[in-house]
């Protein structure tokens, strides 16, 4: 199983980024997927999840600003991040929920 995350970068506060996670080696459409993040010196935090049927949940810290979605045809998971703040600075990881499969992560840095 491979999960290749991309789309991170440096953005000013108030800006937007869109993360992508391309999956291979799994029947992507069958799995619940998620995005988590880990800021320096902090524990990994689950940010958003989306089930195989499209049910979505968000952490309170990102609700109303982030949108998770998936394209089963492209086997790709997305995270649209708007109204970014410096507190969103972290390495963002995609995950096949209920498994130990994690992507390598993509760094998001939000400057004030």
PDB file of N, CA and C in Angstrom:
ATOM      1  N   UNK A   1       0.852  -1.183   0.000  1.00  0.00           N
ATOM      2  CA  UNK A   1       0.000   0.000   0.000  1.00  0.00           C
ATOM      3  C   UNK A   1       0.892   1.239   0.000  1.00  0.00           C
ATOM      4  N   UNK A   2       0.554   2.169  -0.880  1.00  0.00           N
ATOM      5  CA  UNK A   2       1.265   3.447  -0.888  1.00  0.00           C
ATOM      6  C   UNK A   2       0.267   4.588  -0.860  1.00  0.00           C
ATOM      7  N   UNK A   3       0.584   5.580  -0.045  1.00  0.00           N
ATOM      8  CA  UNK A   3      -0.231   6.783   0.041  1.00  0.00           C
ATOM      9  C   UNK A   3       0.702   7.961  -0.186  1.00  0.00           C
ATOM     10  N   UNK A   4       0.519   8.638  -1.310  1.00  0.00           N
ATOM     11  CA  UNK A   4       1.420   9.730  -1.677  1.00  0.00           C
ATOM     12  C   UNK A   4       0.699  11.061  -1.516  1.00  0.00           C
ATOM     13  N   UNK A   5       1.071  11.790  -0.474  1.00  0.00           N
ATOM     14  CA  UNK A   5       0.459  13.090  -0.206  1.00  0.00           C
ATOM     15  C   UNK A   5       1.250  14.194  -0.895  1.00  0.00           C
ATOM     16  N   UNK A   6       0.533  15.208  -1.319  1.00  0.00           N
ATOM     17  CA  UNK A   6       1.162  16.362  -1.962  1.00  0.00           C
ATOM     18  C   UNK A   6       0.290  17.580  -1.759  1.00  0.00           C
ATOM     19  N   UNK A   7       0.848  18.753  -2.125  1.00  0.00           N
ATOM     20  CA  UNK A   7       0.075  19.976  -2.073  1.00  0.00           C
ATOM     21  C   UNK A   7       0.430  20.912  -0.940  1.00  0.00           C
ATOM     22  N   UNK A   8       1.301  20.475  -0.038  1.00  0.00           N
ATOM     23  CA  UNK A   8       1.713  21.346   1.043  1.00  0.00           C
ATOM     24  C   UNK A   8       2.590  22.473   0.542  1.00  0.00           C
ATOM     25  N   UNK A   9       2.866  23.411   1.431  1.00  0.00           N
ATOM     26  CA  UNK A   9       3.715  24.531   1.071  1.00  0.00           C
ATOM     27  C   UNK A   9       3.605  25.642   2.081  1.00  0.00           C
ATOM     28  N   UNK A  10       4.133  26.792   1.694  1.00  0.00           N
ATOM     29  CA  UNK A  10       4.114  27.985   2.545  1.00  0.00           C
ATOM     30  C   UNK A  10       3.013  28.916   2.059  1.00  0.00           C
ATOM     31  N   UNK A  11       2.175  29.349   2.990  1.00  0.00           N
ATOM     32  CA  UNK A  11       1.066  30.235   2.641  1.00  0.00           C
ATOM     33  C   UNK A  11       0.890  31.252   3.753  1.00  0.00           C
ATOM     34  N   UNK A  12       0.402  32.426   3.383  1.00  0.00           N
ATOM     35  CA  UNK A  12       0.142  33.433   4.394  1.00  0.00           C
ATOM     36  C   UNK A  12      -1.165  33.153   5.116  1.00  0.00           C
ATOM     37  N   UNK A  13      -1.269  33.659   6.320  1.00  0.00           N
ATOM     38  CA  UNK A  13      -2.502  33.521   7.080  1.00  0.00           C
ATOM     39  C   UNK A  13      -3.674  34.064   6.257  1.00  0.00           C
ATOM     40  N   UNK A  14      -4.777  33.315   6.289  1.00  0.00           N
ATOM     41  CA  UNK A  14      -5.941  33.676   5.498  1.00  0.00           C
ATOM     42  C   UNK A  14      -5.974  33.015   4.138  1.00  0.00           C
ATOM     43  N   UNK A  15      -4.880  32.405   3.763  1.00  0.00           N
ATOM     44  CA  UNK A  15      -4.782  31.770   2.457  1.00  0.00           C
ATOM     45  C   UNK A  15      -5.365  30.366   2.437  1.00  0.00           C
ATOM     46  N   UNK A  16      -5.205  29.723   1.285  1.00  0.00           N
ATOM     47  CA  UNK A  16      -5.780  28.395   1.070  1.00  0.00           C
ATOM     48  C   UNK A  16      -4.745  27.457   0.458  1.00  0.00           C
ATOM     49  N   UNK A  17      -4.930  26.188   0.730  1.00  0.00           N
ATOM     50  CA  UNK A  17      -4.155  25.135   0.092  1.00  0.00           C
ATOM     51  C   UNK A  17      -5.069  23.942  -0.126  1.00  0.00           C
ATOM     52  N   UNK A  18      -4.730  23.142  -1.122  1.00  0.00           N
ATOM     53  CA  UNK A  18      -5.453  21.900  -1.363  1.00  0.00           C
ATOM     54  C   UNK A  18      -4.461  20.752  -1.339  1.00  0.00           C
ATOM     55  N   UNK A  19      -4.664  19.840  -0.417  1.00  0.00           N
ATOM     56  CA  UNK A  19      -3.830  18.655  -0.316  1.00  0.00           C
ATOM     57  C   UNK A  19      -4.462  17.512  -1.086  1.00  0.00           C
ATOM     58  N   UNK A  20      -3.602  16.663  -1.642  1.00  0.00           N
ATOM     59  CA  UNK A  20      -4.053  15.463  -2.332  1.00  0.00           C
ATOM     60  C   UNK A  20      -3.312  14.268  -1.775  1.00  0.00           C
ATOM     61  N   UNK A  21      -3.937  13.119  -1.823  1.00  0.00           N
ATOM     62  CA  UNK A  21      -3.316  11.875  -1.393  1.00  0.00           C
ATOM     63  C   UNK A  21      -3.725  10.777  -2.374  1.00  0.00           C
ATOM     64  N   UNK A  22      -2.771  10.334  -3.150  1.00  0.00           N
ATOM     65  CA  UNK A  22      -3.022   9.298  -4.143  1.00  0.00           C
ATOM     66  C   UNK A  22      -2.721   7.939  -3.521  1.00  0.00           C
ATOM     67  N   UNK A  23      -3.687   7.039  -3.598  1.00  0.00           N
ATOM     68  CA  UNK A  23      -3.536   5.715  -3.001  1.00  0.00           C
ATOM     69  C   UNK A  23      -3.302   4.656  -4.080  1.00  0.00           C
ATOM     70  N   UNK A  24      -2.484   3.686  -3.735  1.00  0.00           N
ATOM     71  CA  UNK A  24      -2.288   2.531  -4.600  1.00  0.00           C
ATOM     72  C   UNK A  24      -2.130   1.301  -3.729  1.00  0.00           C
ATOM     73  N   UNK A  25      -2.465   0.154  -4.294  1.00  0.00           N
ATOM     74  CA  UNK A  25      -2.311  -1.094  -3.557  1.00  0.00           C
ATOM     75  C   UNK A  25      -3.487  -1.471  -2.689  1.00  0.00           C
ATOM     76  N   UNK A  26      -4.555  -0.674  -2.722  1.00  0.00           N
ATOM     77  CA  UNK A  26      -5.771  -0.994  -1.981  1.00  0.00           C
ATOM     78  C   UNK A  26      -6.972  -0.741  -2.874  1.00  0.00           C
ATOM     79  N   UNK A  27      -8.088  -1.360  -2.526  1.00  0.00           N
ATOM     80  CA  UNK A  27      -9.338  -1.060  -3.212  1.00  0.00           C
ATOM     81  C   UNK A  27      -9.906   0.192  -2.550  1.00  0.00           C
ATOM     82  N   UNK A  28      -9.447   1.313  -3.020  1.00  0.00           N
ATOM     83  CA  UNK A  28      -9.645   2.605  -2.355  1.00  0.00           C
ATOM     84  C   UNK A  28     -11.100   2.871  -1.999  1.00  0.00           C
ATOM     85  N   UNK A  29     -11.987   2.533  -2.894  1.00  0.00           N
ATOM     86  CA  UNK A  29     -13.397   2.899  -2.709  1.00  0.00           C
ATOM     87  C   UNK A  29     -14.037   2.210  -1.502  1.00  0.00           C
ATOM     88  N   UNK A  30     -13.412   1.157  -1.006  1.00  0.00           N
ATOM     89  CA  UNK A  30     -14.003   0.392   0.091  1.00  0.00           C
ATOM     90  C   UNK A  30     -13.635   0.928   1.464  1.00  0.00           C
ATOM     91  N   UNK A  31     -12.670   1.834   1.512  1.00  0.00           N
ATOM     92  CA  UNK A  31     -12.112   2.220   2.806  1.00  0.00           C
ATOM     93  C   UNK A  31     -12.500   3.624   3.253  1.00  0.00           C
ATOM     94  N   UNK A  32     -12.703   3.734   4.566  1.00  0.00           N
ATOM     95  CA  UNK A  32     -12.762   5.053   5.179  1.00  0.00           C
ATOM     96  C   UNK A  32     -11.356   5.634   5.157  1.00  0.00           C
ATOM     97  N   UNK A  33     -11.267   6.929   4.829  1.00  0.00           N
ATOM     98  CA  UNK A  33      -9.982   7.602   4.734  1.00  0.00           C
ATOM     99  C   UNK A  33      -9.967   8.820   5.651  1.00  0.00           C
ATOM    100  N   UNK A  34      -8.771   9.247   6.005  1.00  0.00           N
ATOM    101  CA  UNK A  34      -8.678  10.400   6.884  1.00  0.00           C
ATOM    102  C   UNK A  34      -7.427  11.220   6.659  1.00  0.00           C
ATOM    103  N   UNK A  35      -7.491  12.437   7.142  1.00  0.00           N
ATOM    104  CA  UNK A  35      -6.331  13.322   7.210  1.00  0.00           C
ATOM    105  C   UNK A  35      -6.035  13.600   8.683  1.00  0.00           C
ATOM    106  N   UNK A  36      -4.778  13.546   9.019  1.00  0.00           N
ATOM    107  CA  UNK A  36      -4.321  13.910  10.363  1.00  0.00           C
ATOM    108  C   UNK A  36      -3.159  14.870  10.202  1.00  0.00           C
ATOM    109  N   UNK A  37      -2.820  15.545  11.283  1.00  0.00           N
ATOM    110  CA  UNK A  37      -1.689  16.464  11.229  1.00  0.00           C
ATOM    111  C   UNK A  37      -0.903  16.390  12.525  1.00  0.00           C
ATOM    112  N   UNK A  38       0.361  16.747  12.417  1.00  0.00           N
ATOM    113  CA  UNK A  38       1.216  16.774  13.593  1.00  0.00           C
ATOM    114  C   UNK A  38       2.065  18.026  13.560  1.00  0.00           C
ATOM    115  N   UNK A  39       1.816  18.889  14.521  1.00  0.00           N
ATOM    116  CA  UNK A  39       2.598  20.110  14.652  1.00  0.00           C
ATOM    117  C   UNK A  39       3.843  19.814  15.485  1.00  0.00           C
ATOM    118  N   UNK A  40       4.877  20.625  15.348  1.00  0.00           N
ATOM    119  CA  UNK A  40       6.104  20.392  16.115  1.00  0.00           C
ATOM    120  C   UNK A  40       5.832  20.332  17.612  1.00  0.00           C
ATOM    121  N   UNK A  41       6.297  19.285  18.237  1.00  0.00           N
ATOM    122  CA  UNK A  41       6.155  19.142  19.677  1.00  0.00           C
ATOM    123  C   UNK A  41       4.777  18.727  20.147  1.00  0.00           C
ATOM    124  N   UNK A  42       3.895  18.407  19.202  1.00  0.00           N
ATOM    125  CA  UNK A  42       2.529  18.035  19.578  1.00  0.00           C
ATOM    126  C   UNK A  42       2.206  16.635  19.081  1.00  0.00           C
ATOM    127  N   UNK A  43       1.157  16.087  19.647  1.00  0.00           N
ATOM    128  CA  UNK A  43       0.695  14.766  19.206  1.00  0.00           C
ATOM    129  C   UNK A  43      -0.051  14.881  17.886  1.00  0.00           C
ATOM    130  N   UNK A  44      -0.076  13.769  17.172  1.00  0.00           N
ATOM    131  CA  UNK A  44      -0.827  13.735  15.915  1.00  0.00           C
ATOM    132  C   UNK A  44      -2.310  13.912  16.208  1.00  0.00           C
ATOM    133  N   UNK A  45      -2.943  14.734  15.386  1.00  0.00           N
ATOM    134  CA  UNK A  45      -4.357  15.080  15.584  1.00  0.00           C
ATOM    135  C   UNK A  45      -5.144  14.683  14.336  1.00  0.00           C
ATOM    136  N   UNK A  46      -6.230  13.965  14.539  1.00  0.00           N
ATOM    137  CA  UNK A  46      -7.104  13.618  13.417  1.00  0.00           C
ATOM    138  C   UNK A  46      -7.893  14.865  13.017  1.00  0.00           C
ATOM    139  N   UNK A  47      -7.844  15.199  11.737  1.00  0.00           N
ATOM    140  CA  UNK A  47      -8.440  16.443  11.259  1.00  0.00           C
ATOM    141  C   UNK A  47      -9.794  16.207  10.594  1.00  0.00           C
ATOM    142  N   UNK A  48      -9.858  15.182   9.757  1.00  0.00           N
ATOM    143  CA  UNK A  48     -11.098  14.937   9.015  1.00  0.00           C
ATOM    144  C   UNK A  48     -11.111  13.494   8.523  1.00  0.00           C
ATOM    145  N   UNK A  49     -12.303  12.939   8.431  1.00  0.00           N
ATOM    146  CA  UNK A  49     -12.462  11.591   7.898  1.00  0.00           C
ATOM    147  C   UNK A  49     -13.630  11.553   6.929  1.00  0.00           C
ATOM    148  N   UNK A  50     -13.565  10.603   6.022  1.00  0.00           N
ATOM    149  CA  UNK A  50     -14.648  10.392   5.074  1.00  0.00           C
ATOM    150  C   UNK A  50     -14.804   8.895   4.861  1.00  0.00           C
ATOM    151  N   UNK A  51     -16.026   8.411   5.037  1.00  0.00           N
ATOM    152  CA  UNK A  51     -16.267   6.983   4.889  1.00  0.00           C
ATOM    153  C   UNK A  51     -16.411   6.602   3.419  1.00  0.00           C
ATOM    154  N   UNK A  52     -16.505   5.308   3.182  1.00  0.00           N
ATOM    155  CA  UNK A  52     -16.668   4.821   1.810  1.00  0.00           C
ATOM    156  C   UNK A  52     -17.985   5.300   1.199  1.00  0.00           C
ATOM    157  N   UNK A  53     -18.961   5.569   2.047  1.00  0.00           N
ATOM    158  CA  UNK A  53     -20.258   6.049   1.545  1.00  0.00           C
ATOM    159  C   UNK A  53     -20.363   7.560   1.551  1.00  0.00           C
ATOM    160  N   UNK A  54     -19.291   8.235   1.978  1.00  0.00           N
ATOM    161  CA  UNK A  54     -19.271   9.687   1.901  1.00  0.00           C
ATOM    162  C   UNK A  54     -19.641  10.426   3.175  1.00  0.00           C
ATOM    163  N   UNK A  55     -19.799   9.715   4.283  1.00  0.00           N
ATOM    164  CA  UNK A  55     -20.053  10.408   5.546  1.00  0.00           C
ATOM    165  C   UNK A  55     -18.768  11.061   6.035  1.00  0.00           C
ATOM    166  N   UNK A  56     -18.901  12.291   6.500  1.00  0.00           N
ATOM    167  CA  UNK A  56     -17.747  13.114   6.811  1.00  0.00           C
ATOM    168  C   UNK A  56     -17.797  13.595   8.253  1.00  0.00           C
ATOM    169  N   UNK A  57     -16.626  13.686   8.859  1.00  0.00           N
ATOM    170  CA  UNK A  57     -16.519  14.308  10.174  1.00  0.00           C
ATOM    171  C   UNK A  57     -15.246  15.153  10.220  1.00  0.00           C
ATOM    172  N   UNK A  58     -15.287  16.186  11.055  1.00  0.00           N
ATOM    173  CA  UNK A  58     -14.170  17.116  11.198  1.00  0.00           C
ATOM    174  C   UNK A  58     -13.844  17.349  12.663  1.00  0.00           C
ATOM    175  N   UNK A  59     -12.580  17.641  12.911  1.00  0.00           N
ATOM    176  CA  UNK A  59     -12.197  18.142  14.221  1.00  0.00           C
ATOM    177  C   UNK A  59     -12.786  19.537  14.380  1.00  0.00           C
ATOM    178  N   UNK A  60     -13.107  19.890  15.623  1.00  0.00           N
ATOM    179  CA  UNK A  60     -13.691  21.209  15.872  1.00  0.00           C
ATOM    180  C   UNK A  60     -12.765  22.330  15.403  1.00  0.00           C
ATOM    181  N   UNK A  61     -11.475  22.074  15.475  1.00  0.00           N
ATOM    182  CA  UNK A  61     -10.496  23.118  15.147  1.00  0.00           C
ATOM    183  C   UNK A  61     -10.500  23.504  13.668  1.00  0.00           C
ATOM    184  N   UNK A  62     -11.058  22.655  12.806  1.00  0.00           N
ATOM    185  CA  UNK A  62     -11.031  22.948  11.373  1.00  0.00           C
ATOM    186  C   UNK A  62     -12.424  23.048  10.765  1.00  0.00           C
ATOM    187  N   UNK A  63     -13.438  22.788  11.572  1.00  0.00           N
ATOM    188  CA  UNK A  63     -14.805  22.787  11.056  1.00  0.00           C
ATOM    189  C   UNK A  63     -15.148  24.149  10.457  1.00  0.00           C
ATOM    190  N   UNK A  64     -15.722  24.117   9.266  1.00  0.00           N
ATOM    191  CA  UNK A  64     -16.090  25.359   8.601  1.00  0.00           C
ATOM    192  C   UNK A  64     -14.986  25.956   7.751  1.00  0.00           C
ATOM    193  N   UNK A  65     -13.782  25.429   7.884  1.00  0.00           N
ATOM    194  CA  UNK A  65     -12.648  25.948   7.093  1.00  0.00           C
ATOM    195  C   UNK A  65     -12.066  24.893   6.159  1.00  0.00           C
ATOM    196  N   UNK A  66     -12.082  23.646   6.579  1.00  0.00           N
ATOM    197  CA  UNK A  66     -11.509  22.549   5.790  1.00  0.00           C
ATOM    198  C   UNK A  66     -12.632  21.706   5.204  1.00  0.00           C
ATOM    199  N   UNK A  67     -12.354  21.153   4.018  1.00  0.00           N
ATOM    200  CA  UNK A  67     -13.300  20.258   3.364  1.00  0.00           C
ATOM    201  C   UNK A  67     -12.564  19.023   2.865  1.00  0.00           C
ATOM    202  N   UNK A  68     -13.007  17.868   3.324  1.00  0.00           N
ATOM    203  CA  UNK A  68     -12.429  16.611   2.866  1.00  0.00           C
ATOM    204  C   UNK A  68     -13.309  16.055   1.753  1.00  0.00           C
ATOM    205  N   UNK A  69     -12.674  15.451   0.769  1.00  0.00           N
ATOM    206  CA  UNK A  69     -13.436  14.824  -0.311  1.00  0.00           C
ATOM    207  C   UNK A  69     -12.600  13.693  -0.899  1.00  0.00           C
ATOM    208  N   UNK A  70     -13.236  12.913  -1.749  1.00  0.00           N
ATOM    209  CA  UNK A  70     -12.540  11.796  -2.360  1.00  0.00           C
ATOM    210  C   UNK A  70     -13.027  11.598  -3.776  1.00  0.00           C
ATOM    211  N   UNK A  71     -12.130  11.097  -4.607  1.00  0.00           N
ATOM    212  CA  UNK A  71     -12.462  10.723  -5.977  1.00  0.00           C
ATOM    213  C   UNK A  71     -12.072   9.262  -6.118  1.00  0.00           C
ATOM    214  N   UNK A  72     -13.047   8.389  -6.030  1.00  0.00           N
ATOM    215  CA  UNK A  72     -12.759   6.957  -6.058  1.00  0.00           C
ATOM    216  C   UNK A  72     -12.212   6.516  -7.414  1.00  0.00           C
ATOM    217  N   UNK A  73     -12.615   7.191  -8.469  1.00  0.00           N
ATOM    218  CA  UNK A  73     -12.111   6.829  -9.797  1.00  0.00           C
ATOM    219  C   UNK A  73     -10.607   7.092  -9.879  1.00  0.00           C
ATOM    220  N   UNK A  74     -10.171   8.185  -9.288  1.00  0.00           N
ATOM    221  CA  UNK A  74      -8.750   8.534  -9.296  1.00  0.00           C
ATOM    222  C   UNK A  74      -8.008   7.993  -8.076  1.00  0.00           C
ATOM    223  N   UNK A  75      -8.738   7.329  -7.174  1.00  0.00           N
ATOM    224  CA  UNK A  75      -8.142   6.783  -5.937  1.00  0.00           C
ATOM    225  C   UNK A  75      -7.396   7.880  -5.179  1.00  0.00           C
ATOM    226  N   UNK A  76      -8.030   9.011  -5.082  1.00  0.00           N
ATOM    227  CA  UNK A  76      -7.381  10.160  -4.476  1.00  0.00           C
ATOM    228  C   UNK A  76      -8.265  10.801  -3.414  1.00  0.00           C
ATOM    229  N   UNK A  77      -7.631  11.145  -2.321  1.00  0.00           N
ATOM    230  CA  UNK A  77      -8.265  11.843  -1.201  1.00  0.00           C
ATOM    231  C   UNK A  77      -7.792  13.295  -1.243  1.00  0.00           C
ATOM    232  N   UNK A  78      -8.690  14.218  -0.905  1.00  0.00           N
ATOM    233  CA  UNK A  78      -8.369  15.644  -0.934  1.00  0.00           C
ATOM    234  C   UNK A  78      -8.675  16.296   0.406  1.00  0.00           C
ATOM    235  N   UNK A  79      -7.977  17.391   0.652  1.00  0.00           N
ATOM    236  CA  UNK A  79      -8.304  18.247   1.785  1.00  0.00           C
ATOM    237  C   UNK A  79      -8.151  19.696   1.335  1.00  0.00           C
ATOM    238  N   UNK A  80      -9.279  20.362   1.174  1.00  0.00           N
ATOM    239  CA  UNK A  80      -9.274  21.786   0.847  1.00  0.00           C
ATOM    240  C   UNK A  80      -9.218  22.566   2.150  1.00  0.00           C
ATOM    241  N   UNK A  81      -8.210  23.415   2.277  1.00  0.00           N
ATOM    242  CA  UNK A  81      -8.004  24.158   3.522  1.00  0.00           C
ATOM    243  C   UNK A  81      -8.095  25.646   3.221  1.00  0.00           C
ATOM    244  N   UNK A  82      -9.066  26.291   3.831  1.00  0.00           N
ATOM    245  CA  UNK A  82      -9.272  27.726   3.646  1.00  0.00           C
ATOM    246  C   UNK A  82      -9.074  28.456   4.971  1.00  0.00           C
ATOM    247  N   UNK A  83      -8.925  29.765   4.884  1.00  0.00           N
ATOM    248  CA  UNK A  83      -8.775  30.606   6.077  1.00  0.00           C
ATOM    249  C   UNK A  83      -7.708  30.057   7.016  1.00  0.00           C
ATOM    250  N   UNK A  84      -6.586  29.731   6.458  1.00  0.00           N
ATOM    251  CA  UNK A  84      -5.519  29.113   7.248  1.00  0.00           C
ATOM    252  C   UNK A  84      -4.943  30.094   8.262  1.00  0.00           C
ATOM    253  N   UNK A  85      -4.557  29.543   9.384  1.00  0.00           N
ATOM    254  CA  UNK A  85      -3.928  30.328  10.453  1.00  0.00           C
ATOM    255  C   UNK A  85      -2.590  29.678  10.802  1.00  0.00           C
ATOM    256  N   UNK A  86      -1.713  30.404  11.492  1.00  0.00           N
ATOM    257  CA  UNK A  86      -0.431  29.802  11.891  1.00  0.00           C
ATOM    258  C   UNK A  86      -0.609  28.527  12.717  1.00  0.00           C
ATOM    259  N   UNK A  87      -1.727  28.407  13.419  1.00  0.00           N
ATOM    260  CA  UNK A  87      -1.986  27.202  14.217  1.00  0.00           C
ATOM    261  C   UNK A  87      -2.228  25.968  13.346  1.00  0.00           C
ATOM    262  N   UNK A  88      -2.433  26.160  12.068  1.00  0.00           N
ATOM    263  CA  UNK A  88      -2.610  25.033  11.141  1.00  0.00           C
ATOM    264  C   UNK A  88      -1.270  24.501  10.639  1.00  0.00           C
ATOM    265  N   UNK A  89      -0.184  25.150  10.992  1.00  0.00           N
ATOM    266  CA  UNK A  89       1.145  24.691  10.577  1.00  0.00           C
ATOM    267  C   UNK A  89       1.426  23.306  11.147  1.00  0.00           C
ATOM    268  N   UNK A  90       1.717  22.374  10.259  1.00  0.00           N
ATOM    269  CA  UNK A  90       1.934  20.982  10.670  1.00  0.00           C
ATOM    270  C   UNK A  90       2.314  20.157   9.448  1.00  0.00           C
ATOM    271  N   UNK A  91       2.742  18.939   9.719  1.00  0.00           N
ATOM    272  CA  UNK A  91       2.855  17.947   8.657  1.00  0.00           C
ATOM    273  C   UNK A  91       1.508  17.235   8.586  1.00  0.00           C
ATOM    274  N   UNK A  92       0.944  17.174   7.400  1.00  0.00           N
ATOM    275  CA  UNK A  92      -0.355  16.569   7.179  1.00  0.00           C
ATOM    276  C   UNK A  92      -0.173  15.183   6.553  1.00  0.00           C
ATOM    277  N   UNK A  93      -0.882  14.214   7.138  1.00  0.00           N
ATOM    278  CA  UNK A  93      -0.780  12.828   6.704  1.00  0.00           C
ATOM    279  C   UNK A  93      -2.144  12.310   6.276  1.00  0.00           C
ATOM    280  N   UNK A  94      -2.146  11.474   5.259  1.00  0.00           N
ATOM    281  CA  UNK A  94      -3.382  10.755   4.937  1.00  0.00           C
ATOM    282  C   UNK A  94      -3.273   9.333   5.496  1.00  0.00           C
ATOM    283  N   UNK A  95      -4.405   8.749   5.744  1.00  0.00           N
ATOM    284  CA  UNK A  95      -4.468   7.483   6.468  1.00  0.00           C
ATOM    285  C   UNK A  95      -5.631   6.652   5.963  1.00  0.00           C
ATOM    286  N   UNK A  96      -5.390   5.366   5.828  1.00  0.00           N
ATOM    287  CA  UNK A  96      -6.490   4.436   5.611  1.00  0.00           C
ATOM    288  C   UNK A  96      -6.996   4.075   6.995  1.00  0.00           C
ATOM    289  N   UNK A  97      -8.181   4.510   7.319  1.00  0.00           N
ATOM    290  CA  UNK A  97      -8.692   4.347   8.670  1.00  0.00           C
ATOM    291  C   UNK A  97      -8.782   2.880   9.049  1.00  0.00           C
ATOM    292  N   UNK A  98      -8.571   2.620  10.320  1.00  0.00           N
ATOM    293  CA  UNK A  98      -8.605   1.266  10.876  1.00  0.00           C
ATOM    294  C   UNK A  98      -7.487   0.383  10.337  1.00  0.00           C
ATOM    295  N   UNK A  99      -6.439   1.002   9.813  1.00  0.00           N
ATOM    296  CA  UNK A  99      -5.240   0.270   9.386  1.00  0.00           C
ATOM    297  C   UNK A  99      -4.020   1.061   9.851  1.00  0.00           C
ATOM    298  N   UNK A 100      -2.873   0.463   9.607  1.00  0.00           N
ATOM    299  CA  UNK A 100      -1.619   1.143   9.953  1.00  0.00           C
ATOM    300  C   UNK A 100      -1.005   1.837   8.750  1.00  0.00           C
ATOM    301  N   UNK A 101      -1.793   1.978   7.686  1.00  0.00           N
ATOM    302  CA  UNK A 101      -1.276   2.602   6.471  1.00  0.00           C
ATOM    303  C   UNK A 101      -1.355   4.121   6.580  1.00  0.00           C
ATOM    304  N   UNK A 102      -0.190   4.742   6.559  1.00  0.00           N
ATOM    305  CA  UNK A 102      -0.076   6.190   6.611  1.00  0.00           C
ATOM    306  C   UNK A 102       0.807   6.652   5.459  1.00  0.00           C
ATOM    307  N   UNK A 103       0.455   7.805   4.907  1.00  0.00           N
ATOM    308  CA  UNK A 103       1.322   8.409   3.913  1.00  0.00           C
ATOM    309  C   UNK A 103       2.513   9.066   4.590  1.00  0.00           C
ATOM    310  N   UNK A 104       3.462   9.544   3.772  1.00  0.00           N
ATOM    311  CA  UNK A 104       4.667  10.180   4.316  1.00  0.00           C
ATOM    312  C   UNK A 104       4.400  11.554   4.879  1.00  0.00           C
ATOM    313  N   UNK A 105       3.401  12.202   4.449  1.00  0.00           N
ATOM    314  CA  UNK A 105       3.101  13.530   4.955  1.00  0.00           C
ATOM    315  C   UNK A 105       3.567  14.638   4.045  1.00  0.00           C
ATOM    316  N   UNK A 106       2.881  15.746   4.146  1.00  0.00           N
ATOM    317  CA  UNK A 106       3.247  16.943   3.391  1.00  0.00           C
ATOM    318  C   UNK A 106       3.181  18.129   4.349  1.00  0.00           C
ATOM    319  N   UNK A 107       4.214  18.963   4.303  1.00  0.00           N
ATOM    320  CA  UNK A 107       4.338  20.054   5.262  1.00  0.00           C
ATOM    321  C   UNK A 107       3.543  21.271   4.823  1.00  0.00           C
ATOM    322  N   UNK A 108       2.745  21.764   5.749  1.00  0.00           N
ATOM    323  CA  UNK A 108       2.005  23.008   5.552  1.00  0.00           C
ATOM    324  C   UNK A 108       2.527  24.024   6.547  1.00  0.00           C
ATOM    325  N   UNK A 109       2.976  25.157   6.049  1.00  0.00           N
ATOM    326  CA  UNK A 109       3.468  26.222   6.905  1.00  0.00           C
ATOM    327  C   UNK A 109       2.666  27.482   6.628  1.00  0.00           C
ATOM    328  N   UNK A 110       2.062  28.025   7.676  1.00  0.00           N
ATOM    329  CA  UNK A 110       1.247  29.221   7.543  1.00  0.00           C
ATOM    330  C   UNK A 110       1.952  30.362   8.278  1.00  0.00           C
ATOM    331  N   UNK A 111       2.290  31.390   7.540  1.00  0.00           N
ATOM    332  CA  UNK A 111       2.984  32.529   8.140  1.00  0.00           C
ATOM    333  C   UNK A 111       1.985  33.600   8.561  1.00  0.00           C
ATOM    334  N   UNK A 112       2.335  34.302   9.608  1.00  0.00           N
ATOM    335  CA  UNK A 112       1.430  35.342  10.133  1.00  0.00           C
ATOM    336  C   UNK A 112       1.692  36.680   9.468  1.00  0.00           C
TER     337      UNK A 112
END
